[in-house]
Amino acid sequence: MKNKNVTRKELALSVNEQLGISQRNAAEMVDTIFATMKETLINGESLKLVQFGTLSVRDKAPRRGRNPRTGESMIITKRRMVSFRPSKRLRERLNK
């Protein structure tokens, strides 16, 4: 199976084709959506996309880890990360 990433440009092209708007407007629309999503997550709020899934921010506690290059033990600092939970419908379609 070949790995392929979908880029913003490809998303904008898809919006352009599906809605019949200019490529510039489609690119601005995609950028605006991502900017809004990013700002929502930075504010610590969850983002629910119906029939797709939920993006939420989790706090991870500090923990002991190991540097894979040197093998040296170290403390991994606390941090926030985004987690994705797919919707039931998406999980079902993925597992068909």
PDB file of N, CA and C in Angstrom:
ATOM      1  N   MET A   1       0.843  -1.185   0.000  1.00  0.00           N
ATOM      2  CA  MET A   1       0.000   0.000   0.000  1.00  0.00           C
ATOM      3  C   MET A   1       0.883   1.241   0.000  1.00  0.00           C
ATOM      4  N   LYS A   2       0.628   2.140  -0.902  1.00  0.00           N
ATOM      5  CA  LYS A   2       1.436   3.343  -1.036  1.00  0.00           C
ATOM      6  C   LYS A   2       0.901   4.435  -0.110  1.00  0.00           C
ATOM      7  N   ASN A   3       1.786   5.017   0.709  1.00  0.00           N
ATOM      8  CA  ASN A   3       1.378   6.116   1.590  1.00  0.00           C
ATOM      9  C   ASN A   3       1.288   7.398   0.777  1.00  0.00           C
ATOM     10  N   LYS A   4       0.190   8.115   0.942  1.00  0.00           N
ATOM     11  CA  LYS A   4       0.012   9.381   0.248  1.00  0.00           C
ATOM     12  C   LYS A   4      -0.586  10.372   1.225  1.00  0.00           C
ATOM     13  N   ASN A   5       0.015  11.516   1.296  1.00  0.00           N
ATOM     14  CA  ASN A   5      -0.498  12.580   2.141  1.00  0.00           C
ATOM     15  C   ASN A   5      -1.347  13.523   1.301  1.00  0.00           C
ATOM     16  N   VAL A   6      -2.447  13.984   1.863  1.00  0.00           N
ATOM     17  CA  VAL A   6      -3.275  14.975   1.208  1.00  0.00           C
ATOM     18  C   VAL A   6      -2.793  16.338   1.676  1.00  0.00           C
ATOM     19  N   THR A   7      -2.504  17.216   0.726  1.00  0.00           N
ATOM     20  CA  THR A   7      -1.979  18.538   1.059  1.00  0.00           C
ATOM     21  C   THR A   7      -3.097  19.577   1.061  1.00  0.00           C
ATOM     22  N   ARG A   8      -2.774  20.756   1.594  1.00  0.00           N
ATOM     23  CA  ARG A   8      -3.741  21.847   1.577  1.00  0.00           C
ATOM     24  C   ARG A   8      -4.112  22.206   0.147  1.00  0.00           C
ATOM     25  N   LYS A   9      -3.117  22.183  -0.724  1.00  0.00           N
ATOM     26  CA  LYS A   9      -3.369  22.516  -2.130  1.00  0.00           C
ATOM     27  C   LYS A   9      -4.367  21.538  -2.740  1.00  0.00           C
ATOM     28  N   GLU A  10      -4.227  20.247  -2.428  1.00  0.00           N
ATOM     29  CA  GLU A  10      -5.156  19.242  -2.946  1.00  0.00           C
ATOM     30  C   GLU A  10      -6.556  19.432  -2.360  1.00  0.00           C
ATOM     31  N   LEU A  11      -6.628  19.806  -1.092  1.00  0.00           N
ATOM     32  CA  LEU A  11      -7.934  20.090  -0.489  1.00  0.00           C
ATOM     33  C   LEU A  11      -8.591  21.279  -1.175  1.00  0.00           C
ATOM     34  N   ALA A  12      -7.802  22.327  -1.417  1.00  0.00           N
ATOM     35  CA  ALA A  12      -8.331  23.522  -2.079  1.00  0.00           C
ATOM     36  C   ALA A  12      -8.792  23.190  -3.497  1.00  0.00           C
ATOM     37  N   LEU A  13      -8.050  22.350  -4.195  1.00  0.00           N
ATOM     38  CA  LEU A  13      -8.434  21.949  -5.544  1.00  0.00           C
ATOM     39  C   LEU A  13      -9.751  21.169  -5.523  1.00  0.00           C
ATOM     40  N   SER A  14      -9.918  20.315  -4.518  1.00  0.00           N
ATOM     41  CA  SER A  14     -11.155  19.558  -4.376  1.00  0.00           C
ATOM     42  C   SER A  14     -12.339  20.490  -4.113  1.00  0.00           C
ATOM     43  N   VAL A  15     -12.137  21.486  -3.236  1.00  0.00           N
ATOM     44  CA  VAL A  15     -13.195  22.473  -2.961  1.00  0.00           C
ATOM     45  C   VAL A  15     -13.520  23.241  -4.233  1.00  0.00           C
ATOM     46  N   ASN A  16     -12.483  23.612  -4.972  1.00  0.00           N
ATOM     47  CA  ASN A  16     -12.655  24.326  -6.236  1.00  0.00           C
ATOM     48  C   ASN A  16     -13.506  23.517  -7.213  1.00  0.00           C
ATOM     49  N   GLU A  17     -13.208  22.240  -7.341  1.00  0.00           N
ATOM     50  CA  GLU A  17     -13.939  21.382  -8.283  1.00  0.00           C
ATOM     51  C   GLU A  17     -15.371  21.117  -7.831  1.00  0.00           C
ATOM     52  N   GLN A  18     -15.548  20.883  -6.526  1.00  0.00           N
ATOM     53  CA  GLN A  18     -16.875  20.507  -6.016  1.00  0.00           C
ATOM     54  C   GLN A  18     -17.832  21.696  -5.949  1.00  0.00           C
ATOM     55  N   LEU A  19     -17.302  22.889  -5.571  1.00  0.00           N
ATOM     56  CA  LEU A  19     -18.179  24.048  -5.388  1.00  0.00           C
ATOM     57  C   LEU A  19     -18.148  25.014  -6.564  1.00  0.00           C
ATOM     58  N   GLY A  20     -17.176  24.834  -7.461  1.00  0.00           N
ATOM     59  CA  GLY A  20     -17.097  25.710  -8.623  1.00  0.00           C
ATOM     60  C   GLY A  20     -16.643  27.117  -8.297  1.00  0.00           C
ATOM     61  N   ILE A  21     -15.889  27.290  -7.216  1.00  0.00           N
ATOM     62  CA  ILE A  21     -15.357  28.616  -6.881  1.00  0.00           C
ATOM     63  C   ILE A  21     -13.910  28.685  -7.343  1.00  0.00           C
ATOM     64  N   SER A  22     -13.354  29.883  -7.374  1.00  0.00           N
ATOM     65  CA  SER A  22     -11.984  30.040  -7.858  1.00  0.00           C
ATOM     66  C   SER A  22     -10.994  29.327  -6.946  1.00  0.00           C
ATOM     67  N   GLN A  23      -9.851  28.982  -7.500  1.00  0.00           N
ATOM     68  CA  GLN A  23      -8.829  28.292  -6.713  1.00  0.00           C
ATOM     69  C   GLN A  23      -8.344  29.175  -5.569  1.00  0.00           C
ATOM     70  N   ARG A  24      -8.238  30.468  -5.799  1.00  0.00           N
ATOM     71  CA  ARG A  24      -7.792  31.392  -4.749  1.00  0.00           C
ATOM     72  C   ARG A  24      -8.794  31.410  -3.592  1.00  0.00           C
ATOM     73  N   ASN A  25     -10.085  31.499  -3.907  1.00  0.00           N
ATOM     74  CA  ASN A  25     -11.114  31.496  -2.858  1.00  0.00           C
ATOM     75  C   ASN A  25     -11.163  30.150  -2.136  1.00  0.00           C
ATOM     76  N   ALA A  26     -10.984  29.081  -2.876  1.00  0.00           N
ATOM     77  CA  ALA A  26     -10.984  27.746  -2.263  1.00  0.00           C
ATOM     78  C   ALA A  26      -9.796  27.616  -1.304  1.00  0.00           C
ATOM     79  N   ALA A  27      -8.627  28.112  -1.714  1.00  0.00           N
ATOM     80  CA  ALA A  27      -7.445  28.052  -0.853  1.00  0.00           C
ATOM     81  C   ALA A  27      -7.653  28.894   0.409  1.00  0.00           C
ATOM     82  N   GLU A  28      -8.253  30.071   0.260  1.00  0.00           N
ATOM     83  CA  GLU A  28      -8.546  30.919   1.421  1.00  0.00           C
ATOM     84  C   GLU A  28      -9.532  30.238   2.357  1.00  0.00           C
ATOM     85  N   MET A  29     -10.517  29.543   1.789  1.00  0.00           N
ATOM     86  CA  MET A  29     -11.513  28.839   2.595  1.00  0.00           C
ATOM     87  C   MET A  29     -10.844  27.728   3.405  1.00  0.00           C
ATOM     88  N   VAL A  30      -9.994  26.941   2.770  1.00  0.00           N
ATOM     89  CA  VAL A  30      -9.290  25.852   3.457  1.00  0.00           C
ATOM     90  C   VAL A  30      -8.398  26.433   4.554  1.00  0.00           C
ATOM     91  N   ASP A  31      -7.662  27.505   4.243  1.00  0.00           N
ATOM     92  CA  ASP A  31      -6.782  28.131   5.239  1.00  0.00           C
ATOM     93  C   ASP A  31      -7.578  28.672   6.424  1.00  0.00           C
ATOM     94  N   THR A  32      -8.738  29.257   6.153  1.00  0.00           N
ATOM     95  CA  THR A  32      -9.588  29.790   7.228  1.00  0.00           C
ATOM     96  C   THR A  32     -10.096  28.674   8.127  1.00  0.00           C
ATOM     97  N   ILE A  33     -10.491  27.570   7.533  1.00  0.00           N
ATOM     98  CA  ILE A  33     -10.973  26.424   8.322  1.00  0.00           C
ATOM     99  C   ILE A  33      -9.864  25.912   9.232  1.00  0.00           C
ATOM    100  N   PHE A  34      -8.656  25.729   8.668  1.00  0.00           N
ATOM    101  CA  PHE A  34      -7.550  25.233   9.480  1.00  0.00           C
ATOM    102  C   PHE A  34      -7.135  26.228  10.560  1.00  0.00           C
ATOM    103  N   ALA A  35      -7.171  27.516  10.256  1.00  0.00           N
ATOM    104  CA  ALA A  35      -6.829  28.532  11.252  1.00  0.00           C
ATOM    105  C   ALA A  35      -7.820  28.503  12.412  1.00  0.00           C
ATOM    106  N   THR A  36      -9.102  28.334  12.091  1.00  0.00           N
ATOM    107  CA  THR A  36     -10.125  28.259  13.131  1.00  0.00           C
ATOM    108  C   THR A  36      -9.948  27.002  13.980  1.00  0.00           C
ATOM    109  N   MET A  37      -9.660  25.889  13.324  1.00  0.00           N
ATOM    110  CA  MET A  37      -9.424  24.648  14.058  1.00  0.00           C
ATOM    111  C   MET A  37      -8.217  24.793  14.982  1.00  0.00           C
ATOM    112  N   LYS A  38      -7.138  25.368  14.462  1.00  0.00           N
ATOM    113  CA  LYS A  38      -5.920  25.543  15.243  1.00  0.00           C
ATOM    114  C   LYS A  38      -6.175  26.432  16.461  1.00  0.00           C
ATOM    115  N   GLU A  39      -6.878  27.534  16.258  1.00  0.00           N
ATOM    116  CA  GLU A  39      -7.167  28.463  17.358  1.00  0.00           C
ATOM    117  C   GLU A  39      -8.042  27.800  18.421  1.00  0.00           C
ATOM    118  N   THR A  40      -9.012  27.010  18.001  1.00  0.00           N
ATOM    119  CA  THR A  40      -9.882  26.296  18.934  1.00  0.00           C
ATOM    120  C   THR A  40      -9.071  25.349  19.807  1.00  0.00           C
ATOM    121  N   LEU A  41      -8.166  24.585  19.193  1.00  0.00           N
ATOM    122  CA  LEU A  41      -7.340  23.636  19.945  1.00  0.00           C
ATOM    123  C   LEU A  41      -6.340  24.354  20.850  1.00  0.00           C
ATOM    124  N   ILE A  42      -5.767  25.451  20.391  1.00  0.00           N
ATOM    125  CA  ILE A  42      -4.828  26.227  21.216  1.00  0.00           C
ATOM    126  C   ILE A  42      -5.531  26.743  22.463  1.00  0.00           C
ATOM    127  N   ASN A  43      -6.808  27.077  22.346  1.00  0.00           N
ATOM    128  CA  ASN A  43      -7.588  27.554  23.493  1.00  0.00           C
ATOM    129  C   ASN A  43      -8.007  26.418  24.418  1.00  0.00           C
ATOM    130  N   GLY A  44      -7.642  25.179  24.084  1.00  0.00           N
ATOM    131  CA  GLY A  44      -7.939  24.039  24.939  1.00  0.00           C
ATOM    132  C   GLY A  44      -9.327  23.462  24.759  1.00  0.00           C
ATOM    133  N   GLU A  45     -10.021  23.882  23.718  1.00  0.00           N
ATOM    134  CA  GLU A  45     -11.379  23.395  23.470  1.00  0.00           C
ATOM    135  C   GLU A  45     -11.342  22.182  22.547  1.00  0.00           C
ATOM    136  N   SER A  46     -12.360  21.337  22.635  1.00  0.00           N
ATOM    137  CA  SER A  46     -12.489  20.194  21.731  1.00  0.00           C
ATOM    138  C   SER A  46     -13.143  20.650  20.443  1.00  0.00           C
ATOM    139  N   LEU A  47     -12.884  19.894  19.394  1.00  0.00           N
ATOM    140  CA  LEU A  47     -13.420  20.211  18.086  1.00  0.00           C
ATOM    141  C   LEU A  47     -14.132  18.973  17.564  1.00  0.00           C
ATOM    142  N   LYS A  48     -15.460  19.051  17.434  1.00  0.00           N
ATOM    143  CA  LYS A  48     -16.236  17.900  16.987  1.00  0.00           C
ATOM    144  C   LYS A  48     -16.650  18.107  15.536  1.00  0.00           C
ATOM    145  N   LEU A  49     -16.252  17.165  14.694  1.00  0.00           N
ATOM    146  CA  LEU A  49     -16.615  17.185  13.284  1.00  0.00           C
ATOM    147  C   LEU A  49     -17.563  16.011  13.066  1.00  0.00           C
ATOM    148  N   VAL A  50     -18.834  16.313  12.922  1.00  0.00           N
ATOM    149  CA  VAL A  50     -19.869  15.290  12.834  1.00  0.00           C
ATOM    150  C   VAL A  50     -19.571  14.337  11.680  1.00  0.00           C
ATOM    151  N   GLN A  51     -19.741  13.055  11.907  1.00  0.00           N
ATOM    152  CA  GLN A  51     -19.496  11.961  10.981  1.00  0.00           C
ATOM    153  C   GLN A  51     -18.022  11.806  10.619  1.00  0.00           C
ATOM    154  N   PHE A  52     -17.135  12.507  11.338  1.00  0.00           N
ATOM    155  CA  PHE A  52     -15.700  12.350  11.108  1.00  0.00           C
ATOM    156  C   PHE A  52     -14.995  11.980  12.401  1.00  0.00           C
ATOM    157  N   GLY A  53     -15.122  12.819  13.436  1.00  0.00           N
ATOM    158  CA  GLY A  53     -14.493  12.514  14.713  1.00  0.00           C
ATOM    159  C   GLY A  53     -14.326  13.751  15.570  1.00  0.00           C
ATOM    160  N   THR A  54     -13.635  13.567  16.688  1.00  0.00           N
ATOM    161  CA  THR A  54     -13.418  14.646  17.643  1.00  0.00           C
ATOM    162  C   THR A  54     -11.931  14.817  17.889  1.00  0.00           C
ATOM    163  N   LEU A  55     -11.480  16.058  17.812  1.00  0.00           N
ATOM    164  CA  LEU A  55     -10.117  16.416  18.166  1.00  0.00           C
ATOM    165  C   LEU A  55     -10.177  17.068  19.536  1.00  0.00           C
ATOM    166  N   SER A  56      -9.358  16.607  20.470  1.00  0.00           N
ATOM    167  CA  SER A  56      -9.365  17.200  21.805  1.00  0.00           C
ATOM    168  C   SER A  56      -7.929  17.354  22.292  1.00  0.00           C
ATOM    169  N   VAL A  57      -7.749  18.280  23.238  1.00  0.00           N
ATOM    170  CA  VAL A  57      -6.431  18.557  23.803  1.00  0.00           C
ATOM    171  C   VAL A  57      -6.309  17.789  25.113  1.00  0.00           C
ATOM    172  N   ARG A  58      -5.200  17.063  25.260  1.00  0.00           N
ATOM    173  CA  ARG A  58      -4.939  16.301  26.490  1.00  0.00           C
ATOM    174  C   ARG A  58      -3.670  16.829  27.138  1.00  0.00           C
ATOM    175  N   ASP A  59      -3.682  16.834  28.464  1.00  0.00           N
ATOM    176  CA  ASP A  59      -2.473  17.167  29.215  1.00  0.00           C
ATOM    177  C   ASP A  59      -1.763  15.868  29.566  1.00  0.00           C
ATOM    178  N   LYS A  60      -0.482  15.793  29.257  1.00  0.00           N
ATOM    179  CA  LYS A  60       0.308  14.615  29.600  1.00  0.00           C
ATOM    180  C   LYS A  60       1.246  14.976  30.742  1.00  0.00           C
ATOM    181  N   ALA A  61       1.284  14.134  31.740  1.00  0.00           N
ATOM    182  CA  ALA A  61       2.124  14.369  32.919  1.00  0.00           C
ATOM    183  C   ALA A  61       3.591  14.113  32.572  1.00  0.00           C
ATOM    184  N   PRO A  62       4.507  14.709  33.341  1.00  0.00           N
ATOM    185  CA  PRO A  62       5.920  14.398  33.118  1.00  0.00           C
ATOM    186  C   PRO A  62       6.180  12.928  33.439  1.00  0.00           C
ATOM    187  N   ARG A  63       7.157  12.346  32.751  1.00  0.00           N
ATOM    188  CA  ARG A  63       7.462  10.936  32.980  1.00  0.00           C
ATOM    189  C   ARG A  63       8.933  10.673  32.697  1.00  0.00           C
ATOM    190  N   ARG A  64       9.378   9.558  33.190  1.00  0.00           N
ATOM    191  CA  ARG A  64      10.763   9.157  32.965  1.00  0.00           C
ATOM    192  C   ARG A  64      10.850   8.447  31.619  1.00  0.00           C
ATOM    193  N   GLY A  65      11.851   8.823  30.837  1.00  0.00           N
ATOM    194  CA  GLY A  65      12.053   8.218  29.528  1.00  0.00           C
ATOM    195  C   GLY A  65      13.524   7.934  29.305  1.00  0.00           C
ATOM    196  N   ARG A  66      13.844   7.520  28.109  1.00  0.00           N
ATOM    197  CA  ARG A  66      15.228   7.179  27.777  1.00  0.00           C
ATOM    198  C   ARG A  66      15.557   7.754  26.405  1.00  0.00           C
ATOM    199  N   ASN A  67      16.724   8.383  26.309  1.00  0.00           N
ATOM    200  CA  ASN A  67      17.203   8.902  25.042  1.00  0.00           C
ATOM    201  C   ASN A  67      17.599   7.702  24.177  1.00  0.00           C
ATOM    202  N   PRO A  68      16.935   7.489  23.033  1.00  0.00           N
ATOM    203  CA  PRO A  68      17.228   6.301  22.224  1.00  0.00           C
ATOM    204  C   PRO A  68      18.637   6.309  21.631  1.00  0.00           C
ATOM    205  N   ARG A  69      19.206   7.482  21.438  1.00  0.00           N
ATOM    206  CA  ARG A  69      20.533   7.566  20.844  1.00  0.00           C
ATOM    207  C   ARG A  69      21.635   7.204  21.846  1.00  0.00           C
ATOM    208  N   THR A  70      21.499   7.752  23.083  1.00  0.00           N
ATOM    209  CA  THR A  70      22.564   7.539  24.076  1.00  0.00           C
ATOM    210  C   THR A  70      22.198   6.508  25.123  1.00  0.00           C
ATOM    211  N   GLY A  71      20.916   6.194  25.266  1.00  0.00           N
ATOM    212  CA  GLY A  71      20.474   5.268  26.298  1.00  0.00           C
ATOM    213  C   GLY A  71      20.367   5.925  27.667  1.00  0.00           C
ATOM    214  N   GLU A  72      20.645   7.224  27.727  1.00  0.00           N
ATOM    215  CA  GLU A  72      20.627   7.961  28.991  1.00  0.00           C
ATOM    216  C   GLU A  72      19.188   8.170  29.469  1.00  0.00           C
ATOM    217  N   SER A  73      18.962   7.983  30.778  1.00  0.00           N
ATOM    218  CA  SER A  73      17.652   8.194  31.383  1.00  0.00           C
ATOM    219  C   SER A  73      17.410   9.692  31.519  1.00  0.00           C
ATOM    220  N   MET A  74      16.165  10.123  31.279  1.00  0.00           N
ATOM    221  CA  MET A  74      15.836  11.544  31.363  1.00  0.00           C
ATOM    222  C   MET A  74      14.368  11.721  31.713  1.00  0.00           C
ATOM    223  N   ILE A  75      14.002  12.945  32.088  1.00  0.00           N
ATOM    224  CA  ILE A  75      12.612  13.273  32.405  1.00  0.00           C
ATOM    225  C   ILE A  75      12.007  13.959  31.181  1.00  0.00           C
ATOM    226  N   ILE A  76      10.881  13.427  30.710  1.00  0.00           N
ATOM    227  CA  ILE A  76      10.139  14.043  29.622  1.00  0.00           C
ATOM    228  C   ILE A  76       9.148  15.001  30.269  1.00  0.00           C
ATOM    229  N   THR A  77       9.226  16.268  29.904  1.00  0.00           N
ATOM    230  CA  THR A  77       8.422  17.299  30.562  1.00  0.00           C
ATOM    231  C   THR A  77       6.935  17.134  30.248  1.00  0.00           C
ATOM    232  N   LYS A  78       6.112  17.757  31.106  1.00  0.00           N
ATOM    233  CA  LYS A  78       4.670  17.718  30.850  1.00  0.00           C
ATOM    234  C   LYS A  78       4.387  18.504  29.578  1.00  0.00           C
ATOM    235  N   ARG A  79       3.330  18.129  28.910  1.00  0.00           N
ATOM    236  CA  ARG A  79       2.996  18.785  27.656  1.00  0.00           C
ATOM    237  C   ARG A  79       1.522  18.577  27.328  1.00  0.00           C
ATOM    238  N   ARG A  80       1.076  19.339  26.352  1.00  0.00           N
ATOM    239  CA  ARG A  80      -0.283  19.192  25.848  1.00  0.00           C
ATOM    240  C   ARG A  80      -0.189  18.601  24.456  1.00  0.00           C
ATOM    241  N   MET A  81      -1.134  17.720  24.147  1.00  0.00           N
ATOM    242  CA  MET A  81      -1.138  17.149  22.810  1.00  0.00           C
ATOM    243  C   MET A  81      -2.564  16.970  22.310  1.00  0.00           C
ATOM    244  N   VAL A  82      -2.691  16.875  21.021  1.00  0.00           N
ATOM    245  CA  VAL A  82      -3.995  16.706  20.401  1.00  0.00           C
ATOM    246  C   VAL A  82      -4.238  15.216  20.191  1.00  0.00           C
ATOM    247  N   SER A  83      -5.423  14.770  20.568  1.00  0.00           N
ATOM    248  CA  SER A  83      -5.788  13.381  20.297  1.00  0.00           C
ATOM    249  C   SER A  83      -7.040  13.383  19.424  1.00  0.00           C
ATOM    250  N   PHE A  84      -7.136  12.360  18.593  1.00  0.00           N
ATOM    251  CA  PHE A  84      -8.256  12.230  17.666  1.00  0.00           C
ATOM    252  C   PHE A  84      -9.028  10.972  17.996  1.00  0.00           C
ATOM    253  N   ARG A  85     -10.325  11.115  18.093  1.00  0.00           N
ATOM    254  CA  ARG A  85     -11.197   9.962  18.311  1.00  0.00           C
ATOM    255  C   ARG A  85     -12.167   9.912  17.135  1.00  0.00           C
ATOM    256  N   PRO A  86     -12.035   8.910  16.275  1.00  0.00           N
ATOM    257  CA  PRO A  86     -12.905   8.842  15.101  1.00  0.00           C
ATOM    258  C   PRO A  86     -14.357   8.574  15.489  1.00  0.00           C
ATOM    259  N   SER A  87     -15.268   9.035  14.650  1.00  0.00           N
ATOM    260  CA  SER A  87     -16.692   8.785  14.887  1.00  0.00           C
ATOM    261  C   SER A  87     -16.992   7.313  14.651  1.00  0.00           C
ATOM    262  N   LYS A  88     -18.114   6.886  15.162  1.00  0.00           N
ATOM    263  CA  LYS A  88     -18.524   5.486  14.995  1.00  0.00           C
ATOM    264  C   LYS A  88     -18.653   5.152  13.513  1.00  0.00           C
ATOM    265  N   ARG A  89     -19.234   6.049  12.752  1.00  0.00           N
ATOM    266  CA  ARG A  89     -19.419   5.816  11.318  1.00  0.00           C
ATOM    267  C   ARG A  89     -18.079   5.691  10.585  1.00  0.00           C
ATOM    268  N   LEU A  90     -17.112   6.535  10.927  1.00  0.00           N
ATOM    269  CA  LEU A  90     -15.791   6.459  10.295  1.00  0.00           C
ATOM    270  C   LEU A  90     -15.091   5.151  10.679  1.00  0.00           C
ATOM    271  N   ARG A  91     -15.163   4.766  11.954  1.00  0.00           N
ATOM    272  CA  ARG A  91     -14.556   3.498  12.372  1.00  0.00           C
ATOM    273  C   ARG A  91     -15.150   2.325  11.618  1.00  0.00           C
ATOM    274  N   GLU A  92     -16.471   2.332  11.465  1.00  0.00           N
ATOM    275  CA  GLU A  92     -17.144   1.247  10.748  1.00  0.00           C
ATOM    276  C   GLU A  92     -16.686   1.183   9.289  1.00  0.00           C
ATOM    277  N   ARG A  93     -16.564   2.347   8.652  1.00  0.00           N
ATOM    278  CA  ARG A  93     -16.133   2.367   7.245  1.00  0.00           C
ATOM    279  C   ARG A  93     -14.688   1.955   7.090  1.00  0.00           C
ATOM    280  N   LEU A  94     -13.846   2.311   8.062  1.00  0.00           N
ATOM    281  CA  LEU A  94     -12.441   1.913   8.006  1.00  0.00           C
ATOM    282  C   LEU A  94     -12.270   0.423   8.161  1.00  0.00           C
ATOM    283  N   ASN A  95     -13.137  -0.190   8.961  1.00  0.00           N
ATOM    284  CA  ASN A  95     -12.996  -1.611   9.284  1.00  0.00           C
ATOM    285  C   ASN A  95     -13.868  -2.519   8.424  1.00  0.00           C
ATOM    286  N   LYS A  96     -14.421  -2.028   7.340  1.00  0.00           N
ATOM    287  CA  LYS A  96     -15.221  -2.855   6.432  1.00  0.00           C
ATOM    288  C   LYS A  96     -14.375  -3.909   5.792  1.00  0.00           C
TER     289      LYS A  96
END
